[in-house]
Amino acid sequence: MRSAVSLLLVGALLGYVLPRLVGTTASEVGTELGTVAAHQFVGLAMLWAAGIFVHSFVLTGSLPGLTRTRALTLNLTGSAVSNVLPFGGAAGMSLNYLMIRSWGFRPSAFAAYTFVTNLWVVLLKLALPVLVPVVLLASATNPTPTLMVTAGVAGAALAVLIAVVIASLTSRAAAVRMASRVAPVAARIGRRLRLHWEPDRLAADLLGWRDRVAEVAGRGWGQLSVAMGGYAVLQATLLWGCLHAVGVHPRLSHVFAGYAADRVLTLIVLTPGGAGFAEAGISATLVALGGPPGRVTAGVLLYRGFTFALEIPVGGVTLAAWLLRRRLAARRA
């Protein structure tokens, strides 16, 4: 039922809210999408694939010993599962856990990997909106009030997150104090869920996990940051390419603002990957900055077709291949 409600919400957002929000029609958007040539699709697909490859360096930096092929498998299969289910991030995480354990990694390594990768993702998604007003003003464009409010909220959240992370990862004394306060609260919550967690044991586990995260982040922060930055540049370039494919030629600062809106709105978990919300937010941002509604919406839907929809079949095929290899290995064993 949750999936059905989420699917209905996505349909309503894309089919009803989005066209009216930006002042276009579904037929106009369809006509603009029909102008995209086959060679443009191929070029955009190659750009999308390059972004997936660069992002794999984030995963290998978060899990020492992970190969490039396995990193790509984790990325594609986790995204495929997350993109078909509301609150699908947990399902994708569970699938990644099964894969990582089958490759011989310890649960503690998976916990550190999950935290570090998601930390860098959230840092990027919160940092981009903060930079939007600066980038727009530098290009002689006045940011809209909505963009200013978004930048303020994201900046406050980013400051709190950075302060907590720095305090817990750079100072073990601060981590000890934090664990001693968090463990009793978590134990009480666990009892309500019929989980028998001892506060002292839980605090020790939290500190052990913190030490693992600090080790991984301290050793791989350079690779993580460069790879995440490169991935963001390639995705923003993909958005620019999709807009050009439908005849829109925006300023780079406007593309940056649209991409920042995309990254923030994908945090919404009511629909898989923020579907419906992200498309509406990107389109509204670009139209508010002077883009033609029909073409902008067509370009945004093309972009989300690569970054969201295409990952489902590609990830599904990758998952089927992994399951087949696992079954064959079990038969040989």
C-alpha atoms as a PDB file:
ATOM      1  CA  MET A   1       0.000   0.000   0.000  1.00  0.00           C
ATOM      2  CA  ARG A   2       2.855   2.340   0.794  1.00  0.00           C
ATOM      3  CA  SER A   3       4.375   1.711  -2.639  1.00  0.00           C
ATOM      4  CA  ALA A   4       1.009   2.288  -4.339  1.00  0.00           C
ATOM      5  CA  VAL A   5       0.473   5.584  -2.504  1.00  0.00           C
ATOM      6  CA  SER A   6       4.010   6.687  -3.352  1.00  0.00           C
ATOM      7  CA  LEU A   7       3.484   5.825  -7.025  1.00  0.00           C
ATOM      8  CA  LEU A   8       0.226   7.793  -7.102  1.00  0.00           C
ATOM      9  CA  LEU A   9       1.993  10.751  -5.503  1.00  0.00           C
ATOM     10  CA  VAL A  10       4.753  10.648  -8.139  1.00  0.00           C
ATOM     11  CA  GLY A  11       2.149  10.507 -10.904  1.00  0.00           C
ATOM     12  CA  ALA A  12       0.247  13.458  -9.469  1.00  0.00           C
ATOM     13  CA  LEU A  13       3.403  15.529  -9.063  1.00  0.00           C
ATOM     14  CA  LEU A  14       4.686  14.838 -12.569  1.00  0.00           C
ATOM     15  CA  GLY A  15       1.398  14.804 -14.441  1.00  0.00           C
ATOM     16  CA  TYR A  16      -0.553  17.547 -12.678  1.00  0.00           C
ATOM     17  CA  VAL A  17       1.570  19.688 -10.353  1.00  0.00           C
ATOM     18  CA  LEU A  18       4.729  20.073 -12.459  1.00  0.00           C
ATOM     19  CA  PRO A  19       3.136  21.436 -15.685  1.00  0.00           C
ATOM     20  CA  ARG A  20       0.985  23.904 -13.748  1.00  0.00           C
ATOM     21  CA  LEU A  21       3.831  24.941 -11.494  1.00  0.00           C
ATOM     22  CA  VAL A  22       6.027  26.092 -14.385  1.00  0.00           C
ATOM     23  CA  GLY A  23       3.297  27.046 -16.869  1.00  0.00           C
ATOM     24  CA  THR A  24       3.514  24.371 -19.559  1.00  0.00           C
ATOM     25  CA  THR A  25       1.566  21.312 -20.769  1.00  0.00           C
ATOM     26  CA  ALA A  26       2.365  17.624 -21.071  1.00  0.00           C
ATOM     27  CA  SER A  27       1.954  17.747 -24.853  1.00  0.00           C
ATOM     28  CA  GLU A  28       4.436  20.611 -25.169  1.00  0.00           C
ATOM     29  CA  VAL A  29       6.951  18.742 -23.023  1.00  0.00           C
ATOM     30  CA  GLY A  30       6.467  15.602 -25.117  1.00  0.00           C
ATOM     31  CA  THR A  31       7.029  17.545 -28.318  1.00  0.00           C
ATOM     32  CA  GLU A  32      10.284  19.002 -27.005  1.00  0.00           C
ATOM     33  CA  LEU A  33      11.518  15.568 -25.906  1.00  0.00           C
ATOM     34  CA  GLY A  34      10.825  14.267 -29.390  1.00  0.00           C
ATOM     35  CA  THR A  35      13.421  16.660 -30.821  1.00  0.00           C
ATOM     36  CA  VAL A  36      16.323  14.908 -29.066  1.00  0.00           C
ATOM     37  CA  ALA A  37      18.468  13.034 -31.609  1.00  0.00           C
ATOM     38  CA  ALA A  38      19.791   9.498 -31.140  1.00  0.00           C
ATOM     39  CA  HIS A  39      23.434  10.583 -31.052  1.00  0.00           C
ATOM     40  CA  GLN A  40      22.576  13.032 -28.272  1.00  0.00           C
ATOM     41  CA  PHE A  41      21.107  10.193 -26.208  1.00  0.00           C
ATOM     42  CA  VAL A  42      24.308   8.203 -26.701  1.00  0.00           C
ATOM     43  CA  GLY A  43      26.516  11.110 -25.648  1.00  0.00           C
ATOM     44  CA  LEU A  44      24.403  11.813 -22.567  1.00  0.00           C
ATOM     45  CA  ALA A  45      24.426   8.123 -21.617  1.00  0.00           C
ATOM     46  CA  MET A  46      28.231   8.106 -21.808  1.00  0.00           C
ATOM     47  CA  LEU A  47      28.347  11.174 -19.558  1.00  0.00           C
ATOM     48  CA  TRP A  48      26.034   9.439 -17.069  1.00  0.00           C
ATOM     49  CA  ALA A  49      28.242   6.326 -17.106  1.00  0.00           C
ATOM     50  CA  ALA A  50      31.333   8.451 -16.465  1.00  0.00           C
ATOM     51  CA  GLY A  51      29.638   9.889 -13.366  1.00  0.00           C
ATOM     52  CA  ILE A  52      28.836   6.393 -12.077  1.00  0.00           C
ATOM     53  CA  PHE A  53      32.474   5.367 -12.579  1.00  0.00           C
ATOM     54  CA  VAL A  54      33.830   8.417 -10.739  1.00  0.00           C
ATOM     55  CA  HIS A  55      31.398   7.835  -7.864  1.00  0.00           C
ATOM     56  CA  SER A  56      32.820   4.333  -7.418  1.00  0.00           C
ATOM     57  CA  PHE A  57      35.964   5.977  -6.007  1.00  0.00           C
ATOM     58  CA  VAL A  58      33.833   7.271  -3.130  1.00  0.00           C
ATOM     59  CA  LEU A  59      32.875   3.681  -2.311  1.00  0.00           C
ATOM     60  CA  THR A  60      36.397   2.272  -2.565  1.00  0.00           C
ATOM     61  CA  GLY A  61      37.639   5.107  -0.366  1.00  0.00           C
ATOM     62  CA  SER A  62      35.022   4.231   2.253  1.00  0.00           C
ATOM     63  CA  LEU A  63      35.728   0.480   2.243  1.00  0.00           C
ATOM     64  CA  PRO A  64      39.423  -0.385   1.921  1.00  0.00           C
ATOM     65  CA  GLY A  65      39.864  -3.580  -0.067  1.00  0.00           C
ATOM     66  CA  LEU A  66      36.775  -3.060  -2.235  1.00  0.00           C
ATOM     67  CA  THR A  67      37.481  -3.595  -5.937  1.00  0.00           C
ATOM     68  CA  ARG A  68      36.259  -1.266  -8.680  1.00  0.00           C
ATOM     69  CA  THR A  69      33.886  -3.882 -10.123  1.00  0.00           C
ATOM     70  CA  ARG A  70      32.320  -4.563  -6.744  1.00  0.00           C
ATOM     71  CA  ALA A  71      32.012  -0.835  -6.057  1.00  0.00           C
ATOM     72  CA  LEU A  72      30.085  -0.393  -9.298  1.00  0.00           C
ATOM     73  CA  THR A  73      27.898  -3.380  -8.382  1.00  0.00           C
ATOM     74  CA  LEU A  74      27.084  -1.865  -4.982  1.00  0.00           C
ATOM     75  CA  ASN A  75      26.303   1.508  -6.511  1.00  0.00           C
ATOM     76  CA  LEU A  76      24.036   0.289  -9.308  1.00  0.00           C
ATOM     77  CA  THR A  77      22.127  -2.370  -7.370  1.00  0.00           C
ATOM     78  CA  GLY A  78      21.622  -0.170  -4.312  1.00  0.00           C
ATOM     79  CA  SER A  79      20.335   2.674  -6.492  1.00  0.00           C
ATOM     80  CA  ALA A  80      17.994   0.339  -8.386  1.00  0.00           C
ATOM     81  CA  VAL A  81      16.357  -0.885  -5.181  1.00  0.00           C
ATOM     82  CA  SER A  82      16.223   2.593  -3.633  1.00  0.00           C
ATOM     83  CA  ASN A  83      14.622   4.055  -6.776  1.00  0.00           C
ATOM     84  CA  VAL A  84      11.656   1.674  -6.827  1.00  0.00           C
ATOM     85  CA  LEU A  85      10.601   1.836  -3.162  1.00  0.00           C
ATOM     86  CA  PRO A  86       9.510   4.707  -0.900  1.00  0.00           C
ATOM     87  CA  PHE A  87      12.016   4.947   1.951  1.00  0.00           C
ATOM     88  CA  GLY A  88      14.028   2.680  -0.340  1.00  0.00           C
ATOM     89  CA  GLY A  89      17.376   3.726   1.085  1.00  0.00           C
ATOM     90  CA  ALA A  90      17.010   1.159   3.870  1.00  0.00           C
ATOM     91  CA  ALA A  91      16.274  -1.611   1.373  1.00  0.00           C
ATOM     92  CA  GLY A  92      19.269  -0.625  -0.745  1.00  0.00           C
ATOM     93  CA  MET A  93      21.429  -0.573   2.372  1.00  0.00           C
ATOM     94  CA  SER A  94      20.256  -4.065   3.333  1.00  0.00           C
ATOM     95  CA  LEU A  95      21.114  -5.386  -0.121  1.00  0.00           C
ATOM     96  CA  ASN A  96      24.562  -3.789   0.046  1.00  0.00           C
ATOM     97  CA  TYR A  97      25.077  -5.399   3.462  1.00  0.00           C
ATOM     98  CA  LEU A  98      24.353  -8.854   2.034  1.00  0.00           C
ATOM     99  CA  MET A  99      26.791  -8.250  -0.802  1.00  0.00           C
ATOM    100  CA  ILE A 100      29.568  -6.894   1.382  1.00  0.00           C
ATOM    101  CA  ARG A 101      29.235  -9.760   3.870  1.00  0.00           C
ATOM    102  CA  SER A 102      29.311 -12.302   1.030  1.00  0.00           C
ATOM    103  CA  TRP A 103      32.660 -10.806  -0.043  1.00  0.00           C
ATOM    104  CA  GLY A 104      34.159 -11.419   3.389  1.00  0.00           C
ATOM    105  CA  PHE A 105      34.024  -7.959   4.958  1.00  0.00           C
ATOM    106  CA  ARG A 106      33.134  -7.602   8.643  1.00  0.00           C
ATOM    107  CA  PRO A 107      29.906  -5.897   9.815  1.00  0.00           C
ATOM    108  CA  SER A 108      31.995  -3.130  11.413  1.00  0.00           C
ATOM    109  CA  ALA A 109      33.548  -2.368   8.019  1.00  0.00           C
ATOM    110  CA  PHE A 110      30.075  -2.137   6.472  1.00  0.00           C
ATOM    111  CA  ALA A 111      28.899   0.195   9.241  1.00  0.00           C
ATOM    112  CA  ALA A 112      31.837   2.544   8.695  1.00  0.00           C
ATOM    113  CA  TYR A 113      31.401   2.349   4.917  1.00  0.00           C
ATOM    114  CA  THR A 114      27.712   3.244   5.143  1.00  0.00           C
ATOM    115  CA  PHE A 115      28.267   6.160   7.484  1.00  0.00           C
ATOM    116  CA  VAL A 116      31.206   7.646   5.585  1.00  0.00           C
ATOM    117  CA  THR A 117      29.607   7.423   2.130  1.00  0.00           C
ATOM    118  CA  ASN A 118      26.331   8.908   3.344  1.00  0.00           C
ATOM    119  CA  LEU A 119      28.176  11.608   5.285  1.00  0.00           C
ATOM    120  CA  TRP A 120      29.959  12.810   2.151  1.00  0.00           C
ATOM    121  CA  VAL A 121      26.721  12.655   0.155  1.00  0.00           C
ATOM    122  CA  VAL A 122      24.829  14.749   2.717  1.00  0.00           C
ATOM    123  CA  LEU A 123      27.702  17.231   3.028  1.00  0.00           C
ATOM    124  CA  LEU A 124      27.575  17.767  -0.730  1.00  0.00           C
ATOM    125  CA  LYS A 125      23.803  18.126  -0.813  1.00  0.00           C
ATOM    126  CA  LEU A 126      23.854  20.734   1.956  1.00  0.00           C
ATOM    127  CA  ALA A 127      26.912  22.634   0.679  1.00  0.00           C
ATOM    128  CA  LEU A 128      25.591  23.218  -2.850  1.00  0.00           C
ATOM    129  CA  PRO A 129      22.541  25.367  -1.883  1.00  0.00           C
ATOM    130  CA  VAL A 130      24.768  27.508   0.334  1.00  0.00           C
ATOM    131  CA  LEU A 131      26.904  28.382  -2.696  1.00  0.00           C
ATOM    132  CA  VAL A 132      23.975  29.128  -5.026  1.00  0.00           C
ATOM    133  CA  PRO A 133      23.408  32.808  -4.023  1.00  0.00           C
ATOM    134  CA  VAL A 134      27.140  33.494  -4.307  1.00  0.00           C
ATOM    135  CA  VAL A 135      27.374  31.897  -7.762  1.00  0.00           C
ATOM    136  CA  LEU A 136      24.272  33.709  -9.021  1.00  0.00           C
ATOM    137  CA  LEU A 137      25.405  37.095  -7.732  1.00  0.00           C
ATOM    138  CA  ALA A 138      28.820  36.553  -9.317  1.00  0.00           C
ATOM    139  CA  SER A 139      27.063  36.095 -12.678  1.00  0.00           C
ATOM    140  CA  ALA A 140      24.941  39.239 -12.207  1.00  0.00           C
ATOM    141  CA  THR A 141      21.766  37.263 -11.432  1.00  0.00           C
ATOM    142  CA  ASN A 142      19.634  38.028  -8.399  1.00  0.00           C
ATOM    143  CA  PRO A 143      18.724  34.847  -6.460  1.00  0.00           C
ATOM    144  CA  THR A 144      15.021  34.308  -5.811  1.00  0.00           C
ATOM    145  CA  PRO A 145      13.647  34.485  -2.241  1.00  0.00           C
ATOM    146  CA  THR A 146      13.093  30.718  -2.292  1.00  0.00           C
ATOM    147  CA  LEU A 147      16.740  30.115  -3.129  1.00  0.00           C
ATOM    148  CA  MET A 148      17.827  32.461  -0.332  1.00  0.00           C
ATOM    149  CA  VAL A 149      15.648  30.648   2.230  1.00  0.00           C
ATOM    150  CA  THR A 150      16.914  27.267   1.026  1.00  0.00           C
ATOM    151  CA  ALA A 151      20.496  28.475   1.294  1.00  0.00           C
ATOM    152  CA  GLY A 152      19.902  29.695   4.841  1.00  0.00           C
ATOM    153  CA  VAL A 153      18.307  26.460   6.032  1.00  0.00           C
ATOM    154  CA  ALA A 154      20.943  24.318   4.320  1.00  0.00           C
ATOM    155  CA  GLY A 155      23.722  26.476   5.750  1.00  0.00           C
ATOM    156  CA  ALA A 156      22.408  26.073   9.297  1.00  0.00           C
ATOM    157  CA  ALA A 157      22.043  22.306   8.898  1.00  0.00           C
ATOM    158  CA  LEU A 158      25.516  22.065   7.351  1.00  0.00           C
ATOM    159  CA  ALA A 159      27.082  24.019  10.221  1.00  0.00           C
ATOM    160  CA  VAL A 160      25.472  21.753  12.832  1.00  0.00           C
ATOM    161  CA  LEU A 161      26.474  18.601  10.963  1.00  0.00           C
ATOM    162  CA  ILE A 162      30.083  19.711  10.557  1.00  0.00           C
ATOM    163  CA  ALA A 163      30.310  20.689  14.227  1.00  0.00           C
ATOM    164  CA  VAL A 164      28.970  17.314  15.395  1.00  0.00           C
ATOM    165  CA  VAL A 165      31.211  15.352  13.031  1.00  0.00           C
ATOM    166  CA  ILE A 166      34.338  17.297  13.946  1.00  0.00           C
ATOM    167  CA  ALA A 167      33.615  16.992  17.651  1.00  0.00           C
ATOM    168  CA  SER A 168      32.970  13.244  17.510  1.00  0.00           C
ATOM    169  CA  LEU A 169      35.748  12.256  15.087  1.00  0.00           C
ATOM    170  CA  THR A 170      38.615  14.491  16.162  1.00  0.00           C
ATOM    171  CA  SER A 171      38.150  14.269  19.939  1.00  0.00           C
ATOM    172  CA  ARG A 172      37.757  10.858  21.524  1.00  0.00           C
ATOM    173  CA  ALA A 173      36.859  12.496  24.836  1.00  0.00           C
ATOM    174  CA  ALA A 174      33.924  14.230  23.147  1.00  0.00           C
ATOM    175  CA  ALA A 175      32.956  10.930  21.534  1.00  0.00           C
ATOM    176  CA  VAL A 176      33.007   9.207  24.937  1.00  0.00           C
ATOM    177  CA  ARG A 177      30.722  11.872  26.403  1.00  0.00           C
ATOM    178  CA  MET A 178      28.396  11.642  23.404  1.00  0.00           C
ATOM    179  CA  ALA A 179      28.253   7.833  23.538  1.00  0.00           C
ATOM    180  CA  SER A 180      27.509   7.878  27.280  1.00  0.00           C
ATOM    181  CA  ARG A 181      24.503  10.125  26.611  1.00  0.00           C
ATOM    182  CA  VAL A 182      23.257   8.404  23.471  1.00  0.00           C
ATOM    183  CA  ALA A 183      23.565   4.796  24.706  1.00  0.00           C
ATOM    184  CA  PRO A 184      20.959   5.004  27.524  1.00  0.00           C
ATOM    185  CA  VAL A 185      18.460   6.712  25.224  1.00  0.00           C
ATOM    186  CA  ALA A 186      19.039   4.098  22.514  1.00  0.00           C
ATOM    187  CA  ALA A 187      18.689   1.305  25.079  1.00  0.00           C
ATOM    188  CA  ARG A 188      15.309   2.653  26.214  1.00  0.00           C
ATOM    189  CA  ILE A 189      14.140   2.853  22.598  1.00  0.00           C
ATOM    190  CA  GLY A 190      15.419  -0.681  22.064  1.00  0.00           C
ATOM    191  CA  ARG A 191      13.376  -2.000  24.983  1.00  0.00           C
ATOM    192  CA  ARG A 192      10.227  -0.627  23.382  1.00  0.00           C
ATOM    193  CA  LEU A 193      11.162  -2.606  20.274  1.00  0.00           C
ATOM    194  CA  ARG A 194      11.930  -5.714  22.399  1.00  0.00           C
ATOM    195  CA  LEU A 195      15.640  -5.364  21.778  1.00  0.00           C
ATOM    196  CA  HIS A 196      17.723  -6.038  24.866  1.00  0.00           C
ATOM    197  CA  TRP A 197      20.585  -3.570  24.569  1.00  0.00           C
ATOM    198  CA  GLU A 198      22.866  -2.985  27.542  1.00  0.00           C
ATOM    199  CA  PRO A 199      23.838   0.715  27.752  1.00  0.00           C
ATOM    200  CA  ASP A 200      27.472   0.000  28.642  1.00  0.00           C
ATOM    201  CA  ARG A 201      27.903  -2.533  25.838  1.00  0.00           C
ATOM    202  CA  LEU A 202      26.132  -0.204  23.413  1.00  0.00           C
ATOM    203  CA  ALA A 203      28.380   2.716  24.393  1.00  0.00           C
ATOM    204  CA  ALA A 204      31.458   0.528  23.829  1.00  0.00           C
ATOM    205  CA  ASP A 205      30.145  -0.548  20.423  1.00  0.00           C
ATOM    206  CA  LEU A 206      29.482   3.068  19.472  1.00  0.00           C
ATOM    207  CA  LEU A 207      33.015   4.054  20.419  1.00  0.00           C
ATOM    208  CA  GLY A 208      34.459   1.138  18.464  1.00  0.00           C
ATOM    209  CA  TRP A 209      32.404   2.148  15.446  1.00  0.00           C
ATOM    210  CA  ARG A 210      33.510   5.767  15.873  1.00  0.00           C
ATOM    211  CA  ASP A 211      37.166   4.700  15.890  1.00  0.00           C
ATOM    212  CA  ARG A 212      36.637   2.741  12.671  1.00  0.00           C
ATOM    213  CA  VAL A 213      34.904   5.713  11.006  1.00  0.00           C
ATOM    214  CA  ALA A 214      37.655   8.093  12.144  1.00  0.00           C
ATOM    215  CA  GLU A 215      40.291   5.736  10.691  1.00  0.00           C
ATOM    216  CA  VAL A 216      38.521   5.405   7.322  1.00  0.00           C
ATOM    217  CA  ALA A 217      37.688   9.111   7.025  1.00  0.00           C
ATOM    218  CA  GLY A 218      41.150  10.194   8.163  1.00  0.00           C
ATOM    219  CA  ARG A 219      42.882   7.978   5.615  1.00  0.00           C
ATOM    220  CA  GLY A 220      40.553   8.482   2.660  1.00  0.00           C
ATOM    221  CA  TRP A 221      39.133  11.986   3.029  1.00  0.00           C
ATOM    222  CA  GLY A 222      41.120  13.276   0.043  1.00  0.00           C
ATOM    223  CA  GLN A 223      39.929  10.565  -2.327  1.00  0.00           C
ATOM    224  CA  LEU A 224      36.385  10.868  -0.995  1.00  0.00           C
ATOM    225  CA  SER A 225      36.270  14.634  -1.484  1.00  0.00           C
ATOM    226  CA  VAL A 226      37.827  14.662  -4.962  1.00  0.00           C
ATOM    227  CA  ALA A 227      35.622  11.791  -6.158  1.00  0.00           C
ATOM    228  CA  MET A 228      32.447  13.346  -4.756  1.00  0.00           C
ATOM    229  CA  GLY A 229      33.342  16.698  -6.293  1.00  0.00           C
ATOM    230  CA  GLY A 230      34.065  15.087  -9.658  1.00  0.00           C
ATOM    231  CA  TYR A 231      30.784  13.205  -9.522  1.00  0.00           C
ATOM    232  CA  ALA A 232      28.903  16.452  -8.837  1.00  0.00           C
ATOM    233  CA  VAL A 233      30.623  18.200 -11.762  1.00  0.00           C
ATOM    234  CA  LEU A 234      29.722  15.352 -14.132  1.00  0.00           C
ATOM    235  CA  GLN A 235      26.101  15.293 -12.993  1.00  0.00           C
ATOM    236  CA  ALA A 236      25.774  19.066 -13.352  1.00  0.00           C
ATOM    237  CA  THR A 237      27.331  18.744 -16.813  1.00  0.00           C
ATOM    238  CA  LEU A 238      24.746  16.070 -17.615  1.00  0.00           C
ATOM    239  CA  LEU A 239      21.970  18.485 -16.622  1.00  0.00           C
ATOM    240  CA  TRP A 240      23.536  21.148 -18.850  1.00  0.00           C
ATOM    241  CA  GLY A 241      23.752  18.634 -21.716  1.00  0.00           C
ATOM    242  CA  CYS A 242      20.128  17.564 -21.326  1.00  0.00           C
ATOM    243  CA  LEU A 243      18.991  21.185 -21.435  1.00  0.00           C
ATOM    244  CA  HIS A 244      21.080  21.841 -24.542  1.00  0.00           C
ATOM    245  CA  ALA A 245      19.625  18.730 -26.187  1.00  0.00           C
ATOM    246  CA  VAL A 246      16.139  20.286 -26.070  1.00  0.00           C
ATOM    247  CA  GLY A 247      17.308  23.720 -27.194  1.00  0.00           C
ATOM    248  CA  VAL A 248      17.821  25.515 -23.866  1.00  0.00           C
ATOM    249  CA  HIS A 249      21.122  27.365 -23.437  1.00  0.00           C
ATOM    250  CA  PRO A 250      21.233  28.574 -19.828  1.00  0.00           C
ATOM    251  CA  ARG A 251      24.080  30.218 -17.986  1.00  0.00           C
ATOM    252  CA  LEU A 252      26.312  27.853 -16.070  1.00  0.00           C
ATOM    253  CA  SER A 253      25.295  29.589 -12.840  1.00  0.00           C
ATOM    254  CA  HIS A 254      21.642  28.758 -13.569  1.00  0.00           C
ATOM    255  CA  VAL A 255      22.535  25.117 -14.213  1.00  0.00           C
ATOM    256  CA  PHE A 256      24.376  25.092 -10.889  1.00  0.00           C
ATOM    257  CA  ALA A 257      21.273  26.427  -9.122  1.00  0.00           C
ATOM    258  CA  GLY A 258      19.101  23.770 -10.757  1.00  0.00           C
ATOM    259  CA  TYR A 259      21.524  21.001  -9.833  1.00  0.00           C
ATOM    260  CA  ALA A 260      21.667  22.247  -6.237  1.00  0.00           C
ATOM    261  CA  ALA A 261      17.856  22.093  -6.085  1.00  0.00           C
ATOM    262  CA  ASP A 262      18.003  18.532  -7.394  1.00  0.00           C
ATOM    263  CA  ARG A 263      20.480  17.429  -4.727  1.00  0.00           C
ATOM    264  CA  VAL A 264      18.447  18.924  -1.879  1.00  0.00           C
ATOM    265  CA  LEU A 265      15.095  17.574  -3.056  1.00  0.00           C
ATOM    266  CA  THR A 266      16.410  14.020  -3.472  1.00  0.00           C
ATOM    267  CA  LEU A 267      16.632  14.001   0.336  1.00  0.00           C
ATOM    268  CA  ILE A 268      12.817  13.762   0.425  1.00  0.00           C
ATOM    269  CA  VAL A 269      11.934  10.146   1.252  1.00  0.00           C
ATOM    270  CA  LEU A 270       8.190  10.256   0.584  1.00  0.00           C
ATOM    271  CA  THR A 271       8.834   9.055  -2.962  1.00  0.00           C
ATOM    272  CA  PRO A 272      11.720   6.941  -4.309  1.00  0.00           C
ATOM    273  CA  GLY A 273      14.698   9.212  -4.931  1.00  0.00           C
ATOM    274  CA  GLY A 274      12.528  12.281  -4.351  1.00  0.00           C
ATOM    275  CA  ALA A 275      10.777  11.560  -7.676  1.00  0.00           C
ATOM    276  CA  GLY A 276       8.235  14.239  -8.536  1.00  0.00           C
ATOM    277  CA  PHE A 277       9.635  16.681  -6.006  1.00  0.00           C
ATOM    278  CA  ALA A 278      13.068  16.859  -7.658  1.00  0.00           C
ATOM    279  CA  GLU A 279      11.691  17.389 -11.163  1.00  0.00           C
ATOM    280  CA  ALA A 280       9.335  20.106  -9.950  1.00  0.00           C
ATOM    281  CA  GLY A 281      12.057  21.836  -7.952  1.00  0.00           C
ATOM    282  CA  ILE A 282      14.656  21.856 -10.730  1.00  0.00           C
ATOM    283  CA  SER A 283      12.145  23.040 -13.333  1.00  0.00           C
ATOM    284  CA  ALA A 284      10.731  25.768 -11.087  1.00  0.00           C
ATOM    285  CA  THR A 285      14.244  27.019 -10.270  1.00  0.00           C
ATOM    286  CA  LEU A 286      15.327  27.220 -13.917  1.00  0.00           C
ATOM    287  CA  VAL A 287      12.051  28.795 -15.069  1.00  0.00           C
ATOM    288  CA  ALA A 288      12.272  31.389 -12.274  1.00  0.00           C
ATOM    289  CA  LEU A 289      15.732  32.259 -13.611  1.00  0.00           C
ATOM    290  CA  GLY A 290      14.308  32.928 -17.083  1.00  0.00           C
ATOM    291  CA  GLY A 291      14.187  29.532 -18.814  1.00  0.00           C
ATOM    292  CA  PRO A 292      11.359  28.640 -21.259  1.00  0.00           C
ATOM    293  CA  PRO A 293       8.917  26.399 -19.319  1.00  0.00           C
ATOM    294  CA  GLY A 294       8.264  23.676 -21.907  1.00  0.00           C
ATOM    295  CA  ARG A 295      11.858  23.136 -22.948  1.00  0.00           C
ATOM    296  CA  VAL A 296      13.202  23.421 -19.418  1.00  0.00           C
ATOM    297  CA  THR A 297      10.763  20.790 -18.167  1.00  0.00           C
ATOM    298  CA  ALA A 298      11.656  18.489 -21.070  1.00  0.00           C
ATOM    299  CA  GLY A 299      15.364  18.875 -20.316  1.00  0.00           C
ATOM    300  CA  VAL A 300      14.829  18.216 -16.617  1.00  0.00           C
ATOM    301  CA  LEU A 301      12.795  15.075 -17.308  1.00  0.00           C
ATOM    302  CA  LEU A 302      15.515  13.879 -19.673  1.00  0.00           C
ATOM    303  CA  TYR A 303      18.124  14.491 -16.972  1.00  0.00           C
ATOM    304  CA  ARG A 304      16.114  12.610 -14.359  1.00  0.00           C
ATOM    305  CA  GLY A 305      15.602   9.841 -16.884  1.00  0.00           C
ATOM    306  CA  PHE A 306      19.343   9.236 -16.752  1.00  0.00           C
ATOM    307  CA  THR A 307      20.051   9.899 -13.066  1.00  0.00           C
ATOM    308  CA  PHE A 308      16.939   8.153 -11.715  1.00  0.00           C
ATOM    309  CA  ALA A 309      15.021   5.978 -14.193  1.00  0.00           C
ATOM    310  CA  LEU A 310      17.966   4.473 -16.104  1.00  0.00           C
ATOM    311  CA  GLU A 311      19.556   3.234 -12.895  1.00  0.00           C
ATOM    312  CA  ILE A 312      16.596   0.900 -12.293  1.00  0.00           C
ATOM    313  CA  PRO A 313      16.989  -1.444 -15.312  1.00  0.00           C
ATOM    314  CA  VAL A 314      20.799  -1.218 -15.306  1.00  0.00           C
ATOM    315  CA  GLY A 315      20.909  -1.955 -11.590  1.00  0.00           C
ATOM    316  CA  GLY A 316      18.347  -4.728 -12.005  1.00  0.00           C
ATOM    317  CA  VAL A 317      20.499  -6.480 -14.610  1.00  0.00           C
ATOM    318  CA  THR A 318      23.560  -6.053 -12.365  1.00  0.00           C
ATOM    319  CA  LEU A 319      21.668  -7.541  -9.422  1.00  0.00           C
ATOM    320  CA  ALA A 320      20.499 -10.510 -11.522  1.00  0.00           C
ATOM    321  CA  ALA A 321      24.092 -11.157 -12.598  1.00  0.00           C
ATOM    322  CA  TRP A 322      25.295 -11.057  -8.982  1.00  0.00           C
ATOM    323  CA  LEU A 323      22.572 -13.464  -7.871  1.00  0.00           C
ATOM    324  CA  LEU A 324      23.414 -15.826 -10.727  1.00  0.00           C
ATOM    325  CA  ARG A 325      27.120 -15.816  -9.831  1.00  0.00           C
ATOM    326  CA  ARG A 326      26.238 -16.435  -6.208  1.00  0.00           C
ATOM    327  CA  ARG A 327      24.029 -19.413  -7.098  1.00  0.00           C
ATOM    328  CA  LEU A 328      26.694 -20.914  -9.357  1.00  0.00           C
ATOM    329  CA  ALA A 329      29.314 -20.486  -6.628  1.00  0.00           C
ATOM    330  CA  ALA A 330      27.014 -22.226  -4.128  1.00  0.00           C
ATOM    331  CA  ARG A 331      26.524 -25.144  -6.528  1.00  0.00           C
ATOM    332  CA  ARG A 332      30.283 -25.516  -7.016  1.00  0.00           C
ATOM    333  CA  ALA A 333      30.783 -25.416  -3.257  1.00  0.00           C
END
